[in-house]
Amino acid sequence: MELLRLHINVKKTIELKSSDNTVRMVLFDGFCNSDIFKGKILEGAVDTQIIGAEELLSARYMLEGVDREGDSCRLYIENNTVHNGEGTKPVVYTDSSSLKWLETAKLKGEIIHNDDLEIVICSEDV
């Protein structure tokens, strides 16, 4: 079941190439307009990518907005690739009492490249 759909806007990419890997830091912002949360990604969001024999992605970002009850809140999301390349494993922390269950929920993520870049976070329980 889809919980959060984040629309990503890449702001800047910083890159270095070592003899074995390429390392990128992708700075981004964006927004979420889902049933359980609506808000914007705050400044400081970064996706660190290490590309070599395998591709490792680790994104960390905070959102500010309102939960499904209309209360102001923030979400912190850390989203890391799964080593077999089948999506991501997100971890969520929040100060929202109605979304507290996200902190212990079994979540999975997917990166979607269409006209826009999207991150979709779903429950593994359904």
PDB file of N, CA and C in Angstrom:
ATOM      1  N   MET A   1       0.838  -1.182   0.000  1.00  0.00           N
ATOM      2  CA  MET A   1       0.000   0.000   0.000  1.00  0.00           C
ATOM      3  C   MET A   1       0.883   1.245   0.000  1.00  0.00           C
ATOM      4  N   GLU A   2       0.636   2.164  -0.931  1.00  0.00           N
ATOM      5  CA  GLU A   2       1.412   3.397  -1.009  1.00  0.00           C
ATOM      6  C   GLU A   2       1.071   4.314   0.159  1.00  0.00           C
ATOM      7  N   LEU A   3       2.121   4.822   0.824  1.00  0.00           N
ATOM      8  CA  LEU A   3       1.954   5.738   1.948  1.00  0.00           C
ATOM      9  C   LEU A   3       2.365   7.156   1.591  1.00  0.00           C
ATOM     10  N   LEU A   4       3.540   7.303   0.990  1.00  0.00           N
ATOM     11  CA  LEU A   4       4.100   8.617   0.671  1.00  0.00           C
ATOM     12  C   LEU A   4       4.630   8.604  -0.754  1.00  0.00           C
ATOM     13  N   ARG A   5       4.351   9.670  -1.492  1.00  0.00           N
ATOM     14  CA  ARG A   5       4.925   9.855  -2.833  1.00  0.00           C
ATOM     15  C   ARG A   5       5.613  11.208  -2.821  1.00  0.00           C
ATOM     16  N   LEU A   6       6.948  11.172  -2.956  1.00  0.00           N
ATOM     17  CA  LEU A   6       7.758  12.386  -2.892  1.00  0.00           C
ATOM     18  C   LEU A   6       8.178  12.785  -4.298  1.00  0.00           C
ATOM     19  N   HIS A   7       7.959  14.031  -4.622  1.00  0.00           N
ATOM     20  CA  HIS A   7       8.344  14.589  -5.922  1.00  0.00           C
ATOM     21  C   HIS A   7       9.664  15.331  -5.706  1.00  0.00           C
ATOM     22  N   ILE A   8      10.701  14.899  -6.420  1.00  0.00           N
ATOM     23  CA  ILE A   8      12.070  15.354  -6.182  1.00  0.00           C
ATOM     24  C   ILE A   8      12.520  16.333  -7.260  1.00  0.00           C
ATOM     25  N   ASN A   9      13.168  17.410  -6.811  1.00  0.00           N
ATOM     26  CA  ASN A   9      13.757  18.405  -7.693  1.00  0.00           C
ATOM     27  C   ASN A   9      15.252  18.477  -7.379  1.00  0.00           C
ATOM     28  N   VAL A  10      16.082  17.978  -8.283  1.00  0.00           N
ATOM     29  CA  VAL A  10      17.536  17.997  -8.076  1.00  0.00           C
ATOM     30  C   VAL A  10      18.036  19.425  -8.216  1.00  0.00           C
ATOM     31  N   LYS A  11      18.758  19.896  -7.186  1.00  0.00           N
ATOM     32  CA  LYS A  11      19.271  21.265  -7.165  1.00  0.00           C
ATOM     33  C   LYS A  11      20.720  21.353  -7.644  1.00  0.00           C
ATOM     34  N   LYS A  12      21.539  20.390  -7.208  1.00  0.00           N
ATOM     35  CA  LYS A  12      22.968  20.459  -7.515  1.00  0.00           C
ATOM     36  C   LYS A  12      23.580  19.074  -7.328  1.00  0.00           C
ATOM     37  N   THR A  13      24.564  18.747  -8.155  1.00  0.00           N
ATOM     38  CA  THR A  13      25.291  17.487  -8.027  1.00  0.00           C
ATOM     39  C   THR A  13      26.774  17.788  -7.899  1.00  0.00           C
ATOM     40  N   ILE A  14      27.394  17.183  -6.889  1.00  0.00           N
ATOM     41  CA  ILE A  14      28.839  17.312  -6.657  1.00  0.00           C
ATOM     42  C   ILE A  14      29.422  15.916  -6.841  1.00  0.00           C
ATOM     43  N   GLU A  15      30.529  15.806  -7.598  1.00  0.00           N
ATOM     44  CA  GLU A  15      31.023  14.473  -7.954  1.00  0.00           C
ATOM     45  C   GLU A  15      32.536  14.390  -7.883  1.00  0.00           C
ATOM     46  N   LEU A  16      33.013  13.197  -7.525  1.00  0.00           N
ATOM     47  CA  LEU A  16      34.435  12.893  -7.667  1.00  0.00           C
ATOM     48  C   LEU A  16      34.573  11.485  -8.202  1.00  0.00           C
ATOM     49  N   LYS A  17      35.667  11.265  -8.919  1.00  0.00           N
ATOM     50  CA  LYS A  17      35.946   9.944  -9.466  1.00  0.00           C
ATOM     51  C   LYS A  17      37.263   9.466  -8.891  1.00  0.00           C
ATOM     52  N   SER A  18      37.195   8.358  -8.167  1.00  0.00           N
ATOM     53  CA  SER A  18      38.417   7.727  -7.679  1.00  0.00           C
ATOM     54  C   SER A  18      38.819   6.675  -8.705  1.00  0.00           C
ATOM     55  N   SER A  19      39.856   5.922  -8.409  1.00  0.00           N
ATOM     56  CA  SER A  19      40.287   4.900  -9.361  1.00  0.00           C
ATOM     57  C   SER A  19      39.262   3.775  -9.480  1.00  0.00           C
ATOM     58  N   ASP A  20      38.430   3.552  -8.448  1.00  0.00           N
ATOM     59  CA  ASP A  20      37.480   2.439  -8.466  1.00  0.00           C
ATOM     60  C   ASP A  20      36.009   2.844  -8.443  1.00  0.00           C
ATOM     61  N   ASN A  21      35.721   4.053  -7.980  1.00  0.00           N
ATOM     62  CA  ASN A  21      34.331   4.445  -7.769  1.00  0.00           C
ATOM     63  C   ASN A  21      34.073   5.877  -8.206  1.00  0.00           C
ATOM     64  N   THR A  22      32.808   6.156  -8.430  1.00  0.00           N
ATOM     65  CA  THR A  22      32.342   7.526  -8.590  1.00  0.00           C
ATOM     66  C   THR A  22      31.471   7.828  -7.382  1.00  0.00           C
ATOM     67  N   VAL A  23      31.726   8.958  -6.747  1.00  0.00           N
ATOM     68  CA  VAL A  23      30.945   9.378  -5.582  1.00  0.00           C
ATOM     69  C   VAL A  23      30.229  10.671  -5.944  1.00  0.00           C
ATOM     70  N   ARG A  24      28.913  10.665  -5.720  1.00  0.00           N
ATOM     71  CA  ARG A  24      28.108  11.860  -5.994  1.00  0.00           C
ATOM     72  C   ARG A  24      27.335  12.239  -4.737  1.00  0.00           C
ATOM     73  N   MET A  25      27.238  13.530  -4.537  1.00  0.00           N
ATOM     74  CA  MET A  25      26.325  14.072  -3.534  1.00  0.00           C
ATOM     75  C   MET A  25      25.300  14.884  -4.302  1.00  0.00           C
ATOM     76  N   VAL A  26      24.059  14.446  -4.256  1.00  0.00           N
ATOM     77  CA  VAL A  26      22.981  15.087  -4.990  1.00  0.00           C
ATOM     78  C   VAL A  26      22.118  15.860  -3.994  1.00  0.00           C
ATOM     79  N   LEU A  27      22.136  17.183  -4.108  1.00  0.00           N
ATOM     80  CA  LEU A  27      21.329  18.041  -3.245  1.00  0.00           C
ATOM     81  C   LEU A  27      19.968  18.233  -3.911  1.00  0.00           C
ATOM     82  N   PHE A  28      18.890  18.129  -3.113  1.00  0.00           N
ATOM     83  CA  PHE A  28      17.562  18.208  -3.707  1.00  0.00           C
ATOM     84  C   PHE A  28      16.552  18.827  -2.753  1.00  0.00           C
ATOM     85  N   ASP A  29      15.413  19.205  -3.329  1.00  0.00           N
ATOM     86  CA  ASP A  29      14.246  19.602  -2.559  1.00  0.00           C
ATOM     87  C   ASP A  29      13.042  18.984  -3.241  1.00  0.00           C
ATOM     88  N   GLY A  30      11.858  19.376  -2.830  1.00  0.00           N
ATOM     89  CA  GLY A  30      10.662  18.814  -3.439  1.00  0.00           C
ATOM     90  C   GLY A  30       9.498  18.871  -2.470  1.00  0.00           C
ATOM     91  N   PHE A  31       8.505  18.012  -2.719  1.00  0.00           N
ATOM     92  CA  PHE A  31       7.308  18.039  -1.897  1.00  0.00           C
ATOM     93  C   PHE A  31       6.641  16.666  -1.859  1.00  0.00           C
ATOM     94  N   CYS A  32       5.722  16.521  -0.923  1.00  0.00           N
ATOM     95  CA  CYS A  32       4.908  15.318  -0.774  1.00  0.00           C
ATOM     96  C   CYS A  32       3.462  15.759  -0.664  1.00  0.00           C
ATOM     97  N   ASN A  33       2.579  15.120  -1.412  1.00  0.00           N
ATOM     98  CA  ASN A  33       1.153  15.439  -1.367  1.00  0.00           C
ATOM     99  C   ASN A  33       0.378  14.128  -1.297  1.00  0.00           C
ATOM    100  N   SER A  34       0.508  13.418  -0.166  1.00  0.00           N
ATOM    101  CA  SER A  34      -0.115  12.109   0.005  1.00  0.00           C
ATOM    102  C   SER A  34      -1.273  12.206   0.989  1.00  0.00           C
ATOM    103  N   ASP A  35      -2.026  11.141   1.102  1.00  0.00           N
ATOM    104  CA  ASP A  35      -3.184  11.131   1.996  1.00  0.00           C
ATOM    105  C   ASP A  35      -2.800  11.327   3.457  1.00  0.00           C
ATOM    106  N   ILE A  36      -1.655  10.779   3.870  1.00  0.00           N
ATOM    107  CA  ILE A  36      -1.300  10.841   5.297  1.00  0.00           C
ATOM    108  C   ILE A  36      -0.405  12.023   5.656  1.00  0.00           C
ATOM    109  N   PHE A  37       0.213  12.652   4.652  1.00  0.00           N
ATOM    110  CA  PHE A  37       1.123  13.782   4.902  1.00  0.00           C
ATOM    111  C   PHE A  37       1.208  14.669   3.669  1.00  0.00           C
ATOM    112  N   LYS A  38       1.215  15.973   3.906  1.00  0.00           N
ATOM    113  CA  LYS A  38       1.422  16.964   2.847  1.00  0.00           C
ATOM    114  C   LYS A  38       2.453  17.959   3.355  1.00  0.00           C
ATOM    115  N   GLY A  39       3.507  18.179   2.549  1.00  0.00           N
ATOM    116  CA  GLY A  39       4.522  19.123   2.969  1.00  0.00           C
ATOM    117  C   GLY A  39       5.660  19.230   1.987  1.00  0.00           C
ATOM    118  N   LYS A  40       6.713  19.954   2.413  1.00  0.00           N
ATOM    119  CA  LYS A  40       7.851  20.201   1.528  1.00  0.00           C
ATOM    120  C   LYS A  40       9.125  19.624   2.148  1.00  0.00           C
ATOM    121  N   ILE A  41      10.061  19.282   1.273  1.00  0.00           N
ATOM    122  CA  ILE A  41      11.377  18.820   1.694  1.00  0.00           C
ATOM    123  C   ILE A  41      12.200  20.051   2.056  1.00  0.00           C
ATOM    124  N   LEU A  42      12.793  20.025   3.239  1.00  0.00           N
ATOM    125  CA  LEU A  42      13.556  21.172   3.731  1.00  0.00           C
ATOM    126  C   LEU A  42      14.970  21.199   3.155  1.00  0.00           C
ATOM    127  N   GLU A  43      15.573  22.374   3.207  1.00  0.00           N
ATOM    128  CA  GLU A  43      16.954  22.564   2.752  1.00  0.00           C
ATOM    129  C   GLU A  43      17.881  21.603   3.489  1.00  0.00           C
ATOM    130  N   GLY A  44      18.872  21.081   2.788  1.00  0.00           N
ATOM    131  CA  GLY A  44      19.844  20.171   3.384  1.00  0.00           C
ATOM    132  C   GLY A  44      19.662  18.729   2.956  1.00  0.00           C
ATOM    133  N   ALA A  45      18.645  18.452   2.131  1.00  0.00           N
ATOM    134  CA  ALA A  45      18.401  17.096   1.661  1.00  0.00           C
ATOM    135  C   ALA A  45      19.530  16.668   0.732  1.00  0.00           C
ATOM    136  N   VAL A  46      20.044  15.459   0.958  1.00  0.00           N
ATOM    137  CA  VAL A  46      21.162  14.973   0.142  1.00  0.00           C
ATOM    138  C   VAL A  46      21.039  13.470  -0.091  1.00  0.00           C
ATOM    139  N   ASP A  47      21.373  13.077  -1.305  1.00  0.00           N
ATOM    140  CA  ASP A  47      21.477  11.666  -1.670  1.00  0.00           C
ATOM    141  C   ASP A  47      22.941  11.415  -1.992  1.00  0.00           C
ATOM    142  N   THR A  48      23.589  10.584  -1.176  1.00  0.00           N
ATOM    143  CA  THR A  48      24.984  10.232  -1.412  1.00  0.00           C
ATOM    144  C   THR A  48      25.014   8.935  -2.206  1.00  0.00           C
ATOM    145  N   GLN A  49      25.684   8.956  -3.343  1.00  0.00           N
ATOM    146  CA  GLN A  49      25.719   7.805  -4.240  1.00  0.00           C
ATOM    147  C   GLN A  49      27.159   7.359  -4.433  1.00  0.00           C
ATOM    148  N   ILE A  50      27.399   6.063  -4.213  1.00  0.00           N
ATOM    149  CA  ILE A  50      28.715   5.475  -4.486  1.00  0.00           C
ATOM    150  C   ILE A  50      28.497   4.437  -5.568  1.00  0.00           C
ATOM    151  N   ILE A  51      29.105   4.689  -6.721  1.00  0.00           N
ATOM    152  CA  ILE A  51      28.880   3.848  -7.882  1.00  0.00           C
ATOM    153  C   ILE A  51      30.198   3.199  -8.265  1.00  0.00           C
ATOM    154  N   GLY A  52      30.218   1.880  -8.183  1.00  0.00           N
ATOM    155  CA  GLY A  52      31.393   1.095  -8.521  1.00  0.00           C
ATOM    156  C   GLY A  52      30.922  -0.271  -8.956  1.00  0.00           C
ATOM    157  N   ALA A  53      31.458  -1.306  -8.311  1.00  0.00           N
ATOM    158  CA  ALA A  53      31.023  -2.664  -8.622  1.00  0.00           C
ATOM    159  C   ALA A  53      29.524  -2.818  -8.366  1.00  0.00           C
ATOM    160  N   GLU A  54      29.028  -2.113  -7.356  1.00  0.00           N
ATOM    161  CA  GLU A  54      27.591  -2.021  -7.127  1.00  0.00           C
ATOM    162  C   GLU A  54      27.248  -0.565  -6.866  1.00  0.00           C
ATOM    163  N   GLU A  55      25.965  -0.259  -6.911  1.00  0.00           N
ATOM    164  CA  GLU A  55      25.526   1.115  -6.702  1.00  0.00           C
ATOM    165  C   GLU A  55      24.886   1.221  -5.327  1.00  0.00           C
ATOM    166  N   LEU A  56      25.447   2.069  -4.471  1.00  0.00           N
ATOM    167  CA  LEU A  56      24.920   2.288  -3.133  1.00  0.00           C
ATOM    168  C   LEU A  56      24.392   3.713  -3.046  1.00  0.00           C
ATOM    169  N   LEU A  57      23.128   3.852  -2.688  1.00  0.00           N
ATOM    170  CA  LEU A  57      22.506   5.161  -2.541  1.00  0.00           C
ATOM    171  C   LEU A  57      22.031   5.311  -1.104  1.00  0.00           C
ATOM    172  N   SER A  58      22.234   6.484  -0.528  1.00  0.00           N
ATOM    173  CA  SER A  58      21.779   6.761   0.825  1.00  0.00           C
ATOM    174  C   SER A  58      21.289   8.205   0.885  1.00  0.00           C
ATOM    175  N   ALA A  59      19.975   8.369   0.938  1.00  0.00           N
ATOM    176  CA  ALA A  59      19.378   9.703   0.976  1.00  0.00           C
ATOM    177  C   ALA A  59      18.889  10.009   2.385  1.00  0.00           C
ATOM    178  N   ARG A  60      19.085  11.255   2.807  1.00  0.00           N
ATOM    179  CA  ARG A  60      18.612  11.729   4.111  1.00  0.00           C
ATOM    180  C   ARG A  60      17.960  13.089   3.905  1.00  0.00           C
ATOM    181  N   TYR A  61      16.738  13.206   4.427  1.00  0.00           N
ATOM    182  CA  TYR A  61      16.012  14.457   4.225  1.00  0.00           C
ATOM    183  C   TYR A  61      14.911  14.618   5.269  1.00  0.00           C
ATOM    184  N   MET A  62      14.521  15.879   5.496  1.00  0.00           N
ATOM    185  CA  MET A  62      13.459  16.202   6.436  1.00  0.00           C
ATOM    186  C   MET A  62      12.376  16.974   5.692  1.00  0.00           C
ATOM    187  N   LEU A  63      11.144  16.662   6.048  1.00  0.00           N
ATOM    188  CA  LEU A  63       9.994  17.348   5.471  1.00  0.00           C
ATOM    189  C   LEU A  63       9.223  18.067   6.565  1.00  0.00           C
ATOM    190  N   GLU A  64       8.600  19.169   6.184  1.00  0.00           N
ATOM    191  CA  GLU A  64       7.761  19.933   7.110  1.00  0.00           C
ATOM    192  C   GLU A  64       6.403  20.124   6.456  1.00  0.00           C
ATOM    193  N   GLY A  65       5.345  19.867   7.219  1.00  0.00           N
ATOM    194  CA  GLY A  65       4.014  20.010   6.658  1.00  0.00           C
ATOM    195  C   GLY A  65       2.943  19.679   7.673  1.00  0.00           C
ATOM    196  N   VAL A  66       1.873  19.011   7.200  1.00  0.00           N
ATOM    197  CA  VAL A  66       0.765  18.625   8.067  1.00  0.00           C
ATOM    198  C   VAL A  66       0.454  17.146   7.880  1.00  0.00           C
ATOM    199  N   ASP A  67       0.071  16.508   8.998  1.00  0.00           N
ATOM    200  CA  ASP A  67      -0.308  15.100   8.939  1.00  0.00           C
ATOM    201  C   ASP A  67      -1.779  14.969   8.550  1.00  0.00           C
ATOM    202  N   ARG A  68      -2.270  13.742   8.526  1.00  0.00           N
ATOM    203  CA  ARG A  68      -3.646  13.490   8.074  1.00  0.00           C
ATOM    204  C   ARG A  68      -4.702  14.108   8.989  1.00  0.00           C
ATOM    205  N   GLU A  69      -4.297  14.480  10.203  1.00  0.00           N
ATOM    206  CA  GLU A  69      -5.207  15.157  11.136  1.00  0.00           C
ATOM    207  C   GLU A  69      -5.177  16.676  10.950  1.00  0.00           C
ATOM    208  N   GLY A  70      -4.291  17.170  10.102  1.00  0.00           N
ATOM    209  CA  GLY A  70      -4.157  18.606   9.877  1.00  0.00           C
ATOM    210  C   GLY A  70      -3.203  19.280  10.849  1.00  0.00           C
ATOM    211  N   ASP A  71      -2.494  18.470  11.657  1.00  0.00           N
ATOM    212  CA  ASP A  71      -1.541  19.017  12.623  1.00  0.00           C
ATOM    213  C   ASP A  71      -0.173  19.238  11.980  1.00  0.00           C
ATOM    214  N   SER A  72       0.481  20.339  12.323  1.00  0.00           N
ATOM    215  CA  SER A  72       1.837  20.612  11.833  1.00  0.00           C
ATOM    216  C   SER A  72       2.788  19.550  12.359  1.00  0.00           C
ATOM    217  N   CYS A  73       3.696  19.121  11.508  1.00  0.00           N
ATOM    218  CA  CYS A  73       4.661  18.100  11.923  1.00  0.00           C
ATOM    219  C   CYS A  73       5.843  18.075  10.967  1.00  0.00           C
ATOM    220  N   ARG A  74       6.820  17.269  11.350  1.00  0.00           N
ATOM    221  CA  ARG A  74       7.982  17.015  10.501  1.00  0.00           C
ATOM    222  C   ARG A  74       8.197  15.509  10.380  1.00  0.00           C
ATOM    223  N   LEU A  75       8.750  15.120   9.246  1.00  0.00           N
ATOM    224  CA  LEU A  75       9.182  13.746   9.012  1.00  0.00           C
ATOM    225  C   LEU A  75      10.663  13.782   8.668  1.00  0.00           C
ATOM    226  N   TYR A  76      11.433  12.849   9.233  1.00  0.00           N
ATOM    227  CA  TYR A  76      12.819  12.645   8.810  1.00  0.00           C
ATOM    228  C   TYR A  76      12.840  11.281   8.136  1.00  0.00           C
ATOM    229  N   ILE A  77      13.431  11.219   6.962  1.00  0.00           N
ATOM    230  CA  ILE A  77      13.500   9.962   6.215  1.00  0.00           C
ATOM    231  C   ILE A  77      14.947   9.681   5.842  1.00  0.00           C
ATOM    232  N   GLU A  78      15.379   8.457   6.134  1.00  0.00           N
ATOM    233  CA  GLU A  78      16.647   7.938   5.617  1.00  0.00           C
ATOM    234  C   GLU A  78      16.272   6.793   4.706  1.00  0.00           C
ATOM    235  N   ASN A  79      16.742   6.853   3.478  1.00  0.00           N
ATOM    236  CA  ASN A  79      16.345   5.887   2.462  1.00  0.00           C
ATOM    237  C   ASN A  79      17.597   5.319   1.801  1.00  0.00           C
ATOM    238  N   ASN A  80      17.846   4.034   2.017  1.00  0.00           N
ATOM    239  CA  ASN A  80      19.045   3.371   1.504  1.00  0.00           C
ATOM    240  C   ASN A  80      18.668   2.283   0.510  1.00  0.00           C
ATOM    241  N   THR A  81      19.508   2.110  -0.507  1.00  0.00           N
ATOM    242  CA  THR A  81      19.255   1.043  -1.466  1.00  0.00           C
ATOM    243  C   THR A  81      19.398  -0.311  -0.787  1.00  0.00           C
ATOM    244  N   VAL A  82      18.626  -1.254  -1.288  1.00  0.00           N
ATOM    245  CA  VAL A  82      18.742  -2.642  -0.867  1.00  0.00           C
ATOM    246  C   VAL A  82      19.820  -3.249  -1.748  1.00  0.00           C
ATOM    247  N   HIS A  83      20.714  -4.036  -1.153  1.00  0.00           N
ATOM    248  CA  HIS A  83      21.894  -4.521  -1.894  1.00  0.00           C
ATOM    249  C   HIS A  83      21.568  -5.350  -3.119  1.00  0.00           C
ATOM    250  N   ASN A  84      20.418  -6.003  -3.174  1.00  0.00           N
ATOM    251  CA  ASN A  84      20.096  -6.766  -4.377  1.00  0.00           C
ATOM    252  C   ASN A  84      19.520  -5.881  -5.483  1.00  0.00           C
ATOM    253  N   GLY A  85      19.457  -4.568  -5.245  1.00  0.00           N
ATOM    254  CA  GLY A  85      19.022  -3.633  -6.271  1.00  0.00           C
ATOM    255  C   GLY A  85      17.522  -3.553  -6.464  1.00  0.00           C
ATOM    256  N   GLU A  86      16.768  -4.181  -5.575  1.00  0.00           N
ATOM    257  CA  GLU A  86      15.318  -4.181  -5.717  1.00  0.00           C
ATOM    258  C   GLU A  86      14.685  -3.135  -4.805  1.00  0.00           C
ATOM    259  N   GLY A  87      14.925  -1.879  -5.072  1.00  0.00           N
ATOM    260  CA  GLY A  87      14.291  -0.810  -4.327  1.00  0.00           C
ATOM    261  C   GLY A  87      15.126  -0.297  -3.172  1.00  0.00           C
ATOM    262  N   THR A  88      14.444   0.315  -2.214  1.00  0.00           N
ATOM    263  CA  THR A  88      15.105   0.934  -1.073  1.00  0.00           C
ATOM    264  C   THR A  88      14.443   0.491   0.229  1.00  0.00           C
ATOM    265  N   LYS A  89      15.160   0.731   1.319  1.00  0.00           N
ATOM    266  CA  LYS A  89      14.668   0.416   2.663  1.00  0.00           C
ATOM    267  C   LYS A  89      14.611   1.724   3.448  1.00  0.00           C
ATOM    268  N   PRO A  90      13.431   2.382   3.484  1.00  0.00           N
ATOM    269  CA  PRO A  90      13.317   3.653   4.199  1.00  0.00           C
ATOM    270  C   PRO A  90      13.120   3.461   5.703  1.00  0.00           C
ATOM    271  N   VAL A  91      13.634   4.429   6.467  1.00  0.00           N
ATOM    272  CA  VAL A  91      13.405   4.536   7.901  1.00  0.00           C
ATOM    273  C   VAL A  91      12.835   5.930   8.126  1.00  0.00           C
ATOM    274  N   VAL A  92      11.761   6.027   8.923  1.00  0.00           N
ATOM    275  CA  VAL A  92      11.076   7.295   9.141  1.00  0.00           C
ATOM    276  C   VAL A  92      11.010   7.605  10.632  1.00  0.00           C
ATOM    277  N   TYR A  93      11.257   8.875  10.975  1.00  0.00           N
ATOM    278  CA  TYR A  93      11.036   9.392  12.328  1.00  0.00           C
ATOM    279  C   TYR A  93      10.130  10.614  12.200  1.00  0.00           C
ATOM    280  N   THR A  94       9.261  10.820  13.189  1.00  0.00           N
ATOM    281  CA  THR A  94       8.336  11.947  13.119  1.00  0.00           C
ATOM    282  C   THR A  94       7.962  12.451  14.509  1.00  0.00           C
ATOM    283  N   ASP A  95       7.537  13.711  14.557  1.00  0.00           N
ATOM    284  CA  ASP A  95       7.000  14.268  15.798  1.00  0.00           C
ATOM    285  C   ASP A  95       5.471  14.277  15.777  1.00  0.00           C
ATOM    286  N   SER A  96       4.858  13.637  14.788  1.00  0.00           N
ATOM    287  CA  SER A  96       3.409  13.545  14.671  1.00  0.00           C
ATOM    288  C   SER A  96       2.893  12.333  15.447  1.00  0.00           C
ATOM    289  N   SER A  97       1.956  12.556  16.352  1.00  0.00           N
ATOM    290  CA  SER A  97       1.392  11.430  17.111  1.00  0.00           C
ATOM    291  C   SER A  97       0.563  10.515  16.210  1.00  0.00           C
ATOM    292  N   SER A  98      -0.089  11.067  15.187  1.00  0.00           N
ATOM    293  CA  SER A  98      -0.907  10.223  14.314  1.00  0.00           C
ATOM    294  C   SER A  98      -0.081   9.447  13.280  1.00  0.00           C
ATOM    295  N   LEU A  99       1.176   9.836  13.085  1.00  0.00           N
ATOM    296  CA  LEU A  99       2.048   9.118  12.141  1.00  0.00           C
ATOM    297  C   LEU A  99       3.173   8.354  12.838  1.00  0.00           C
ATOM    298  N   LYS A 100       3.150   8.298  14.168  1.00  0.00           N
ATOM    299  CA  LYS A 100       4.198   7.634  14.943  1.00  0.00           C
ATOM    300  C   LYS A 100       4.405   6.182  14.501  1.00  0.00           C
ATOM    301  N   TRP A 101       3.352   5.534  14.044  1.00  0.00           N
ATOM    302  CA  TRP A 101       3.421   4.142  13.609  1.00  0.00           C
ATOM    303  C   TRP A 101       4.398   3.946  12.445  1.00  0.00           C
ATOM    304  N   LEU A 102       4.697   5.018  11.691  1.00  0.00           N
ATOM    305  CA  LEU A 102       5.670   4.909  10.591  1.00  0.00           C
ATOM    306  C   LEU A 102       7.056   4.521  11.097  1.00  0.00           C
ATOM    307  N   GLU A 103       7.367   4.861  12.349  1.00  0.00           N
ATOM    308  CA  GLU A 103       8.691   4.580  12.908  1.00  0.00           C
ATOM    309  C   GLU A 103       8.947   3.085  13.085  1.00  0.00           C
ATOM    310  N   THR A 104       7.899   2.287  13.215  1.00  0.00           N
ATOM    311  CA  THR A 104       8.066   0.835  13.409  1.00  0.00           C
ATOM    312  C   THR A 104       7.482   0.017  12.261  1.00  0.00           C
ATOM    313  N   ALA A 105       6.897   0.688  11.277  1.00  0.00           N
ATOM    314  CA  ALA A 105       6.283  -0.018  10.147  1.00  0.00           C
ATOM    315  C   ALA A 105       7.364  -0.640   9.260  1.00  0.00           C
ATOM    316  N   LYS A 106       7.024  -1.750   8.645  1.00  0.00           N
ATOM    317  CA  LYS A 106       7.905  -2.362   7.640  1.00  0.00           C
ATOM    318  C   LYS A 106       7.655  -1.638   6.324  1.00  0.00           C
ATOM    319  N   LEU A 107       8.661  -0.882   5.878  1.00  0.00           N
ATOM    320  CA  LEU A 107       8.518  -0.033   4.709  1.00  0.00           C
ATOM    321  C   LEU A 107       9.442  -0.482   3.581  1.00  0.00           C
ATOM    322  N   LYS A 108       9.035  -0.200   2.366  1.00  0.00           N
ATOM    323  CA  LYS A 108       9.883  -0.397   1.195  1.00  0.00           C
ATOM    324  C   LYS A 108       9.721   0.815   0.310  1.00  0.00           C
ATOM    325  N   GLY A 109      10.749   1.095  -0.463  1.00  0.00           N
ATOM    326  CA  GLY A 109      10.710   2.258  -1.328  1.00  0.00           C
ATOM    327  C   GLY A 109      11.054   1.918  -2.753  1.00  0.00           C
ATOM    328  N   GLU A 110      10.658   2.806  -3.633  1.00  0.00           N
ATOM    329  CA  GLU A 110      10.949   2.652  -5.052  1.00  0.00           C
ATOM    330  C   GLU A 110      11.298   4.019  -5.617  1.00  0.00           C
ATOM    331  N   ILE A 111      12.325   4.066  -6.448  1.00  0.00           N
ATOM    332  CA  ILE A 111      12.716   5.295  -7.135  1.00  0.00           C
ATOM    333  C   ILE A 111      12.145   5.214  -8.543  1.00  0.00           C
ATOM    334  N   ILE A 112      11.358   6.202  -8.915  1.00  0.00           N
ATOM    335  CA  ILE A 112      10.695   6.192 -10.223  1.00  0.00           C
ATOM    336  C   ILE A 112      11.248   7.342 -11.061  1.00  0.00           C
ATOM    337  N   HIS A 113      11.767   6.991 -12.232  1.00  0.00           N
ATOM    338  CA  HIS A 113      12.293   7.986 -13.173  1.00  0.00           C
ATOM    339  C   HIS A 113      11.318   8.098 -14.336  1.00  0.00           C
ATOM    340  N   ASN A 114      10.476   9.099 -14.317  1.00  0.00           N
ATOM    341  CA  ASN A 114       9.589   9.420 -15.436  1.00  0.00           C
ATOM    342  C   ASN A 114       9.980  10.803 -15.921  1.00  0.00           C
ATOM    343  N   ASP A 115       9.011  11.622 -16.270  1.00  0.00           N
ATOM    344  CA  ASP A 115       9.305  13.019 -16.579  1.00  0.00           C
ATOM    345  C   ASP A 115       9.873  13.704 -15.350  1.00  0.00           C
ATOM    346  N   ASP A 116       9.386  13.295 -14.177  1.00  0.00           N
ATOM    347  CA  ASP A 116       9.867  13.791 -12.895  1.00  0.00           C
ATOM    348  C   ASP A 116      10.501  12.633 -12.138  1.00  0.00           C
ATOM    349  N   LEU A 117      11.294  12.959 -11.129  1.00  0.00           N
ATOM    350  CA  LEU A 117      11.866  11.944 -10.244  1.00  0.00           C
ATOM    351  C   LEU A 117      10.960  11.830  -9.031  1.00  0.00           C
ATOM    352  N   GLU A 118      10.545  10.609  -8.703  1.00  0.00           N
ATOM    353  CA  GLU A 118       9.679  10.380  -7.558  1.00  0.00           C
ATOM    354  C   GLU A 118      10.246   9.271  -6.685  1.00  0.00           C
ATOM    355  N   ILE A 119       9.998   9.393  -5.391  1.00  0.00           N
ATOM    356  CA  ILE A 119      10.292   8.327  -4.453  1.00  0.00           C
ATOM    357  C   ILE A 119       8.960   7.911  -3.844  1.00  0.00           C
ATOM    358  N   VAL A 120       8.637   6.637  -3.949  1.00  0.00           N
ATOM    359  CA  VAL A 120       7.380   6.123  -3.410  1.00  0.00           C
ATOM    360  C   VAL A 120       7.725   5.219  -2.243  1.00  0.00           C
ATOM    361  N   ILE A 121       7.103   5.485  -1.078  1.00  0.00           N
ATOM    362  CA  ILE A 121       7.297   4.674   0.107  1.00  0.00           C
ATOM    363  C   ILE A 121       5.999   3.944   0.404  1.00  0.00           C
ATOM    364  N   CYS A 122       6.100   2.625   0.497  1.00  0.00           N
ATOM    365  CA  CYS A 122       4.935   1.759   0.693  1.00  0.00           C
ATOM    366  C   CYS A 122       5.104   0.919   1.945  1.00  0.00           C
ATOM    367  N   SER A 123       3.984   0.401   2.431  1.00  0.00           N
ATOM    368  CA  SER A 123       4.004  -0.531   3.549  1.00  0.00           C
ATOM    369  C   SER A 123       4.249  -1.927   3.007  1.00  0.00           C
ATOM    370  N   GLU A 124       5.140  -2.678   3.659  1.00  0.00           N
ATOM    371  CA  GLU A 124       5.351  -4.077   3.300  1.00  0.00           C
ATOM    372  C   GLU A 124       4.291  -4.964   3.938  1.00  0.00           C
ATOM    373  N   ASP A 125       3.523  -4.431   4.884  1.00  0.00           N
ATOM    374  CA  ASP A 125       2.532  -5.201   5.627  1.00  0.00           C
ATOM    375  C   ASP A 125       1.282  -5.504   4.822  1.00  0.00           C
ATOM    376  N   VAL A 126       1.080  -4.778   3.729  1.00  0.00           N
ATOM    377  CA  VAL A 126      -0.161  -4.987   2.932  1.00  0.00           C
ATOM    378  C   VAL A 126       0.195  -5.556   1.598  1.00  0.00           C
TER     379      VAL A 126
END
